[in-house]
Amino acid sequence: MSTERNSLACILPPDLLARATRGMAAKERLVALETLNVDHTFRQARAEAAGRQGARAPQTLAAAAGGAPQRRIYDQHHSEDGARGDLVRSEGQPPVADRSVNQAYDNFGATYNLYWDVFHRDSIDGQGLTINGMVHFGTAYNNAFWDGQGHMYFGDGDGKMLTDTTKSLDVVGHELTHGVTQNEANLIYSGQSGALNESISDVFGSLVKQYALHQSAATANWLIGEDIVGPLLLPALRSMKAPGTANKYDNQPADMTKYVRTASDNGGVHANSGIPNHAFYVVATTLGGNAWDSAGTIWYESLSDAALKPNATFSAFAEITVRQARVRFGATSTEVDAVRAGWDAVKVPVRAAASALV
């Protein structure tokens, strides 16, 4: 089994962190390097756990009914050891004095609502998995991540690169979607399959935000992490509308002609995710209305399709999206045309024969 499929999926890419350190003052550089060190430690621990437990995360028993999340928020008190810390808010309890605790709780709920209301999915695993939020992780920790074992960790940020990561709807949606992908397609976190893994998280993270804020495809700004970036990363972490323009360190390509070939960041998974990200943006804005309706449904059904293999390429995923659009909306539908236009826009080839697959 490849441990690459269990690599740590952080919202702030390690290559971006490394590039940003070059122009930092000594104190800021130490903070950024400490974030990289912590991330590396968790990657090692997660790979070792994956070797013991198998490819997929352990699942809980199904919830009694469904339709309501099960949330637990823990205060890590700036610890970096991964321990659970103190339980400070459980499902159904009222808000507490700590804003980070309440933001994590609320944004977990918003993510659950999109998946339940639109896709009829009961939590991360489809079986009512309890979602654990670990707030105040580390000291000035510039990241947030899903650990693959039912926990999302939130750094408070250093105020320069990131701020409190609990307040971002799309970042929470992004990280929890890594758990959905893990339970559905288990995409290997390397190369194009890893970039698809990252892109799917950006897609559904953006949909969580749009659904919660009642934004249409036309009114959404398609930025990821705009509300948690500090002055060094303004205005956002990524742009699905215009990959490569989100901040001065953003190296995402918008199409295959600029595909990043690198050994870092598991083969450029965060950089190259800009390509399928932009494809989805084109599909959603071409169709108009609410992006979670037609475009989101096609992407969700494609993620759940048994034909999506762990080592899927962009083209393989594109062909599945065309087929899903045909199955749901018809061979001559505007949805099929929009999906094909999206992949054409980013120069990802889709076999002509894919249109006939049903």
Protein backbone atom coordinates (compact mmCIF):
# COMPACT_ATOMS: atom_id res chain seq x y z
CA MET A 1 0.00 0.00 0.00
CA SER A 2 1.29 3.46 -0.86
CA THR A 3 1.48 5.78 2.10
CA GLU A 4 1.29 8.69 -0.33
CA ARG A 5 -2.49 8.41 -0.30
CA ASN A 6 -2.36 9.18 3.42
CA SER A 7 -0.11 12.24 3.24
CA LEU A 8 -1.05 15.16 5.43
CA ALA A 9 -3.45 17.46 3.58
CA CYS A 10 -2.84 20.98 4.85
CA ILE A 11 -4.56 24.12 3.60
CA LEU A 12 -1.23 25.98 3.25
CA PRO A 13 1.10 24.10 0.87
CA PRO A 14 4.62 23.33 2.07
CA ASP A 15 6.24 24.70 -1.10
CA LEU A 16 4.43 28.03 -0.65
CA LEU A 17 5.57 28.16 2.97
CA ALA A 18 9.13 27.49 1.88
CA ARG A 19 9.04 30.18 -0.81
CA ALA A 20 7.58 32.72 1.59
CA THR A 21 10.39 32.26 4.11
CA ARG A 22 12.96 33.69 1.69
CA GLY A 23 11.87 37.28 2.19
CA MET A 24 11.00 37.09 5.87
CA ALA A 25 12.66 38.63 8.85
CA ALA A 26 14.45 36.16 11.13
CA LYS A 27 11.64 35.90 13.71
CA GLU A 28 8.93 35.36 11.08
CA ARG A 29 11.11 32.80 9.30
CA LEU A 30 11.47 30.79 12.50
CA VAL A 31 7.67 30.66 12.88
CA ALA A 32 7.23 29.48 9.29
CA LEU A 33 9.97 26.86 9.62
CA GLU A 34 8.37 25.59 12.82
CA THR A 35 5.09 25.14 10.92
CA LEU A 36 6.95 23.10 8.28
CA ASN A 37 8.57 21.01 11.02
CA VAL A 38 5.23 20.29 12.73
CA ASP A 39 3.64 19.39 9.39
CA HIS A 40 6.48 16.96 8.65
CA THR A 41 6.07 15.30 12.05
CA PHE A 42 2.36 14.75 11.45
CA ARG A 43 3.02 13.41 7.96
CA GLN A 44 5.34 10.77 9.40
CA ALA A 45 2.87 9.81 12.13
CA ARG A 46 0.02 9.58 9.66
CA ALA A 47 2.02 7.40 7.27
CA GLU A 48 2.90 5.03 10.12
CA ALA A 49 -0.75 4.87 11.20
CA ALA A 50 -1.80 4.17 7.62
CA GLY A 51 0.61 1.26 7.48
CA ARG A 52 -1.04 -0.26 10.55
CA GLN A 53 -4.67 0.46 9.70
CA GLY A 54 -4.95 0.15 5.93
CA ALA A 55 -5.86 2.63 3.23
CA ARG A 56 -9.09 4.03 4.61
CA ALA A 57 -9.86 5.77 7.86
CA PRO A 58 -11.73 3.75 10.49
CA GLN A 59 -15.46 4.41 10.33
CA THR A 60 -17.97 4.77 13.11
CA LEU A 61 -21.35 3.14 13.42
CA ALA A 62 -24.15 4.90 11.57
CA ALA A 63 -25.92 7.70 13.35
CA ALA A 64 -29.37 6.85 14.66
CA ALA A 65 -31.16 9.07 12.16
CA GLY A 66 -29.02 11.44 10.15
CA GLY A 67 -29.64 15.02 9.19
CA ALA A 68 -27.72 16.49 12.12
CA PRO A 69 -23.95 16.65 12.65
CA GLN A 70 -22.10 15.21 15.60
CA ARG A 71 -19.42 17.72 16.65
CA ARG A 72 -16.86 17.87 19.42
CA ILE A 73 -14.47 20.79 19.82
CA TYR A 74 -11.29 20.45 21.91
CA ASP A 75 -8.89 23.14 23.12
CA GLN A 76 -5.32 22.06 22.41
CA HIS A 77 -3.90 24.88 24.58
CA HIS A 78 -1.15 25.39 21.96
CA SER A 79 0.09 21.83 22.31
CA GLU A 80 1.68 20.19 19.26
CA ASP A 81 1.57 16.58 20.44
CA GLY A 82 -1.76 15.76 18.79
CA ALA A 83 -3.45 14.91 22.07
CA ARG A 84 -7.13 15.68 22.32
CA GLY A 85 -6.80 18.45 24.86
CA ASP A 86 -9.88 19.55 26.77
CA LEU A 87 -13.38 18.99 25.40
CA VAL A 88 -14.96 22.46 25.48
CA ARG A 89 -18.11 22.13 23.35
CA SER A 90 -20.15 19.12 22.27
CA GLU A 91 -23.08 18.74 19.91
CA GLY A 92 -26.11 20.76 20.98
CA GLN A 93 -24.33 22.78 23.63
CA PRO A 94 -24.57 26.60 23.54
CA PRO A 95 -21.75 28.89 22.39
CA VAL A 96 -18.82 29.41 24.73
CA ALA A 97 -16.63 32.45 25.38
CA ASP A 98 -13.89 31.28 22.97
CA ARG A 99 -14.68 32.56 19.47
CA SER A 100 -12.41 29.99 17.81
CA VAL A 101 -14.37 27.16 19.42
CA ASN A 102 -17.66 28.58 18.16
CA GLN A 103 -16.36 29.25 14.67
CA ALA A 104 -15.06 25.70 14.31
CA TYR A 105 -18.39 24.34 15.58
CA ASP A 106 -20.44 26.52 13.23
CA ASN A 107 -18.31 25.85 10.16
CA PHE A 108 -18.41 22.11 10.79
CA GLY A 109 -22.19 22.50 10.79
CA ALA A 110 -22.15 24.46 7.53
CA THR A 111 -20.07 21.74 5.87
CA TYR A 112 -22.39 19.03 7.15
CA ASN A 113 -25.40 20.99 5.86
CA LEU A 114 -24.12 21.16 2.28
CA TYR A 115 -23.40 17.45 2.17
CA TRP A 116 -26.68 16.47 3.82
CA ASP A 117 -29.05 18.97 2.18
CA VAL A 118 -27.68 18.74 -1.35
CA PHE A 119 -26.04 15.32 -1.64
CA HIS A 120 -27.88 13.41 1.14
CA ARG A 121 -24.58 12.39 2.71
CA ASP A 122 -24.50 11.87 6.48
CA SER A 123 -21.14 13.33 7.54
CA ILE A 124 -17.65 12.56 6.25
CA ASP A 125 -18.06 8.81 5.92
CA GLY A 126 -21.76 8.83 4.99
CA GLN A 127 -22.51 7.07 8.28
CA GLY A 128 -22.69 9.94 10.75
CA LEU A 129 -19.02 10.15 11.68
CA THR A 130 -18.38 12.43 14.65
CA ILE A 131 -16.21 15.39 13.61
CA ASN A 132 -13.59 16.48 16.12
CA GLY A 133 -12.15 19.99 15.99
CA MET A 134 -8.81 20.68 17.65
CA VAL A 135 -8.48 24.45 18.11
CA HIS A 136 -5.46 26.48 19.28
CA PHE A 137 -3.07 23.87 17.91
CA GLY A 138 0.56 24.91 18.34
CA THR A 139 1.89 28.41 18.85
CA ALA A 140 1.32 30.80 15.93
CA TYR A 141 0.87 27.67 13.79
CA ASN A 142 0.29 28.71 10.18
CA ASN A 143 -1.90 25.89 8.95
CA ALA A 144 -5.01 23.76 9.32
CA PHE A 145 -5.33 20.11 8.39
CA TRP A 146 -7.48 16.98 8.40
CA ASP A 147 -5.56 14.06 9.92
CA GLY A 148 -7.48 11.23 8.23
CA GLN A 149 -8.67 9.90 11.58
CA GLY A 150 -11.69 12.12 12.26
CA HIS A 151 -9.89 15.22 13.52
CA MET A 152 -9.32 18.67 12.05
CA TYR A 153 -6.54 20.74 13.58
CA PHE A 154 -6.66 24.54 13.57
CA GLY A 155 -3.71 26.87 13.96
CA ASP A 156 -4.13 30.42 15.23
CA GLY A 157 -1.67 31.76 12.66
CA ASP A 158 1.10 34.28 13.22
CA GLY A 159 -0.93 37.22 11.92
CA LYS A 160 1.49 37.68 8.99
CA MET A 161 0.84 34.61 6.84
CA LEU A 162 -2.38 33.33 8.38
CA THR A 163 -4.81 34.37 11.06
CA ASP A 164 -7.25 32.20 13.05
CA THR A 165 -8.04 29.33 10.66
CA THR A 166 -11.33 28.41 12.36
CA LYS A 167 -13.17 31.35 10.78
CA SER A 168 -12.97 30.25 7.15
CA LEU A 169 -15.97 28.39 5.74
CA ASP A 170 -14.16 27.25 2.62
CA VAL A 171 -11.04 26.15 4.49
CA VAL A 172 -13.09 24.00 6.87
CA GLY A 173 -15.10 22.63 3.94
CA HIS A 174 -11.84 21.94 2.08
CA GLU A 175 -10.24 19.97 4.89
CA LEU A 176 -13.34 17.92 5.76
CA THR A 177 -13.75 17.08 2.08
CA HIS A 178 -10.36 15.35 2.23
CA GLY A 179 -12.16 12.92 4.52
CA VAL A 180 -14.99 12.48 2.02
CA THR A 181 -12.50 11.79 -0.76
CA GLN A 182 -10.64 9.36 1.50
CA ASN A 183 -13.85 7.39 2.05
CA GLU A 184 -15.00 7.48 -1.58
CA ALA A 185 -12.11 7.37 -4.06
CA ASN A 186 -9.06 7.32 -1.74
CA LEU A 187 -7.12 9.25 -4.36
CA ILE A 188 -3.36 8.77 -4.00
CA TYR A 189 -1.84 12.01 -2.76
CA SER A 190 0.76 12.39 -5.48
CA GLY A 191 0.92 13.73 -9.04
CA GLN A 192 -2.36 14.20 -10.90
CA SER A 193 -4.42 12.06 -8.54
CA GLY A 194 -3.10 14.14 -5.64
CA ALA A 195 -3.90 17.36 -7.50
CA LEU A 196 -7.43 16.02 -8.09
CA ASN A 197 -7.64 15.28 -4.37
CA GLU A 198 -6.73 18.89 -3.58
CA SER A 199 -9.01 20.29 -6.28
CA ILE A 200 -12.04 18.31 -5.09
CA SER A 201 -11.46 19.80 -1.64
CA ASP A 202 -11.30 23.31 -3.10
CA VAL A 203 -14.46 22.69 -5.15
CA PHE A 204 -16.55 21.52 -2.23
CA GLY A 205 -14.94 23.98 0.17
CA SER A 206 -16.08 26.75 -2.15
CA LEU A 207 -19.53 25.17 -2.40
CA VAL A 208 -19.80 25.07 1.41
CA LYS A 209 -19.18 28.81 1.48
CA GLN A 210 -21.51 29.57 -1.41
CA TYR A 211 -24.31 27.43 0.06
CA ALA A 212 -24.00 28.96 3.53
CA LEU A 213 -23.85 32.53 2.22
CA HIS A 214 -26.49 32.05 -0.49
CA GLN A 215 -24.09 32.96 -3.29
CA SER A 216 -24.72 32.02 -6.90
CA ALA A 217 -21.97 30.98 -9.29
CA ALA A 218 -22.06 34.52 -10.65
CA THR A 219 -21.86 36.34 -7.31
CA ALA A 220 -19.23 34.10 -5.68
CA ASN A 221 -15.63 35.34 -5.91
CA TRP A 222 -14.16 31.81 -6.15
CA LEU A 223 -11.31 32.61 -3.76
CA ILE A 224 -10.09 30.11 -1.18
CA GLY A 225 -9.02 31.26 2.28
CA GLU A 226 -9.52 34.99 1.75
CA ASP A 227 -10.73 35.48 5.32
CA ILE A 228 -7.72 33.85 7.03
CA VAL A 229 -4.75 35.22 5.10
CA GLY A 230 -2.45 37.75 6.71
CA PRO A 231 -0.73 40.62 4.87
CA LEU A 232 1.95 38.36 3.35
CA LEU A 233 -0.61 36.27 1.45
CA LEU A 234 -3.28 38.78 0.46
CA PRO A 235 -5.79 38.56 -1.05
CA ALA A 236 -6.27 34.76 -0.76
CA LEU A 237 -4.61 31.35 -0.82
CA ARG A 238 -5.97 30.31 -4.22
CA SER A 239 -8.29 31.52 -6.96
CA MET A 240 -10.46 29.07 -8.89
CA LYS A 241 -11.45 31.84 -11.28
CA ALA A 242 -7.88 32.92 -12.06
CA PRO A 243 -5.31 30.38 -10.83
CA GLY A 244 -1.89 31.91 -10.23
CA THR A 245 -3.19 35.32 -9.14
CA ALA A 246 -4.28 34.76 -5.52
CA ASN A 247 -1.07 36.08 -3.92
CA LYS A 248 2.51 36.87 -4.86
CA TYR A 249 3.63 33.30 -4.17
CA ASP A 250 0.78 31.64 -6.08
CA ASN A 251 2.23 29.40 -8.81
CA GLN A 252 -0.95 27.58 -9.89
CA PRO A 253 -1.32 27.00 -13.63
CA ALA A 254 -4.71 27.63 -15.24
CA ASP A 255 -4.30 24.95 -17.93
CA MET A 256 -2.13 22.01 -18.96
CA THR A 257 0.31 24.13 -20.98
CA LYS A 258 1.77 25.38 -17.67
CA TYR A 259 1.54 22.09 -15.75
CA VAL A 260 4.11 22.16 -12.93
CA ARG A 261 6.56 19.27 -12.98
CA THR A 262 8.30 19.07 -9.64
CA ALA A 263 9.39 16.60 -6.98
CA SER A 264 8.22 18.89 -4.15
CA ASP A 265 4.77 18.91 -2.57
CA ASN A 266 4.08 15.32 -3.66
CA GLY A 267 4.55 16.21 -7.30
CA GLY A 268 2.96 19.66 -7.15
CA VAL A 269 -0.46 18.63 -5.85
CA HIS A 270 -1.35 22.12 -4.62
CA ALA A 271 -0.02 23.90 -7.70
CA ASN A 272 -1.59 21.66 -10.33
CA SER A 273 -4.94 21.54 -8.56
CA GLY A 274 -5.51 24.92 -10.21
CA ILE A 275 -6.20 23.13 -13.50
CA PRO A 276 -9.26 21.05 -12.44
CA ASN A 277 -10.26 23.95 -10.15
CA HIS A 278 -10.58 26.24 -13.14
CA ALA A 279 -12.41 23.55 -15.12
CA PHE A 280 -15.08 23.42 -12.40
CA TYR A 281 -15.31 27.21 -12.30
CA VAL A 282 -15.95 27.27 -16.07
CA VAL A 283 -18.60 24.55 -15.79
CA ALA A 284 -20.40 26.27 -12.89
CA THR A 285 -20.37 29.76 -14.39
CA THR A 286 -21.36 28.47 -17.82
CA LEU A 287 -24.42 26.79 -16.33
CA GLY A 288 -25.17 29.70 -13.99
CA GLY A 289 -27.50 29.58 -11.00
CA ASN A 290 -26.27 27.80 -7.87
CA ALA A 291 -22.99 25.98 -8.40
CA TRP A 292 -23.96 23.21 -5.96
CA ASP A 293 -26.90 22.18 -8.13
CA SER A 294 -25.89 20.83 -11.55
CA ALA A 295 -22.10 21.33 -11.49
CA GLY A 296 -21.73 20.25 -7.86
CA THR A 297 -23.92 17.20 -8.36
CA ILE A 298 -21.88 16.09 -11.38
CA TRP A 299 -18.63 16.44 -9.41
CA TYR A 300 -20.05 14.64 -6.37
CA GLU A 301 -21.41 11.75 -8.43
CA SER A 302 -18.05 11.54 -10.21
CA LEU A 303 -16.19 11.37 -6.90
CA SER A 304 -18.52 8.55 -5.84
CA ASP A 305 -18.22 6.68 -9.16
CA ALA A 306 -16.62 3.24 -8.81
CA ALA A 307 -14.76 3.93 -12.05
CA LEU A 308 -12.68 6.62 -10.33
CA LYS A 309 -9.46 4.84 -9.42
CA PRO A 310 -7.00 5.91 -6.71
CA ASN A 311 -4.38 6.80 -9.34
CA ALA A 312 -6.79 8.70 -11.62
CA THR A 313 -5.42 11.26 -14.06
CA PHE A 314 -7.13 14.53 -14.95
CA SER A 315 -8.34 12.99 -18.21
CA ALA A 316 -9.77 9.95 -16.44
CA PHE A 317 -11.72 12.16 -14.03
CA ALA A 318 -12.85 14.41 -16.88
CA GLU A 319 -14.28 11.44 -18.76
CA ILE A 320 -16.21 10.36 -15.66
CA THR A 321 -17.68 13.86 -15.26
CA VAL A 322 -18.86 13.83 -18.90
CA ARG A 323 -20.46 10.42 -18.37
CA GLN A 324 -22.15 11.52 -15.15
CA ALA A 325 -23.51 14.61 -16.87
CA ARG A 326 -24.96 12.40 -19.63
CA VAL A 327 -26.51 9.96 -17.16
CA ARG A 328 -28.15 12.64 -15.05
CA PHE A 329 -29.06 15.28 -17.64
CA GLY A 330 -29.08 13.58 -21.04
CA ALA A 331 -26.67 13.18 -23.93
CA THR A 332 -27.57 16.46 -25.64
CA SER A 333 -27.97 18.54 -22.49
CA THR A 334 -26.43 21.92 -21.77
CA GLU A 335 -24.79 20.28 -18.75
CA VAL A 336 -22.80 17.90 -20.96
CA ASP A 337 -21.76 20.79 -23.19
CA ALA A 338 -20.70 22.84 -20.15
CA VAL A 339 -18.63 20.00 -18.68
CA ARG A 340 -16.84 19.47 -21.97
CA ALA A 341 -16.27 23.22 -22.26
CA GLY A 342 -14.74 23.27 -18.79
CA TRP A 343 -12.16 20.63 -19.62
CA ASP A 344 -11.51 22.17 -23.03
CA ALA A 345 -10.78 25.50 -21.31
CA VAL A 346 -7.97 23.94 -19.28
CA LYS A 347 -6.72 21.79 -22.19
CA VAL A 348 -7.40 18.45 -20.51
CA PRO A 349 -8.22 15.94 -23.27
CA VAL A 350 -11.44 13.97 -23.03
CA ARG A 351 -11.82 11.05 -25.40
CA ALA A 352 -14.61 11.51 -27.91
CA ALA A 353 -15.74 8.01 -26.94
CA ALA A 354 -16.36 9.23 -23.41
CA SER A 355 -19.46 11.01 -24.62
CA ALA A 356 -21.02 7.69 -25.53
CA LEU A 357 -20.25 5.97 -22.22
CA VAL A 358 -23.38 5.44 -20.11
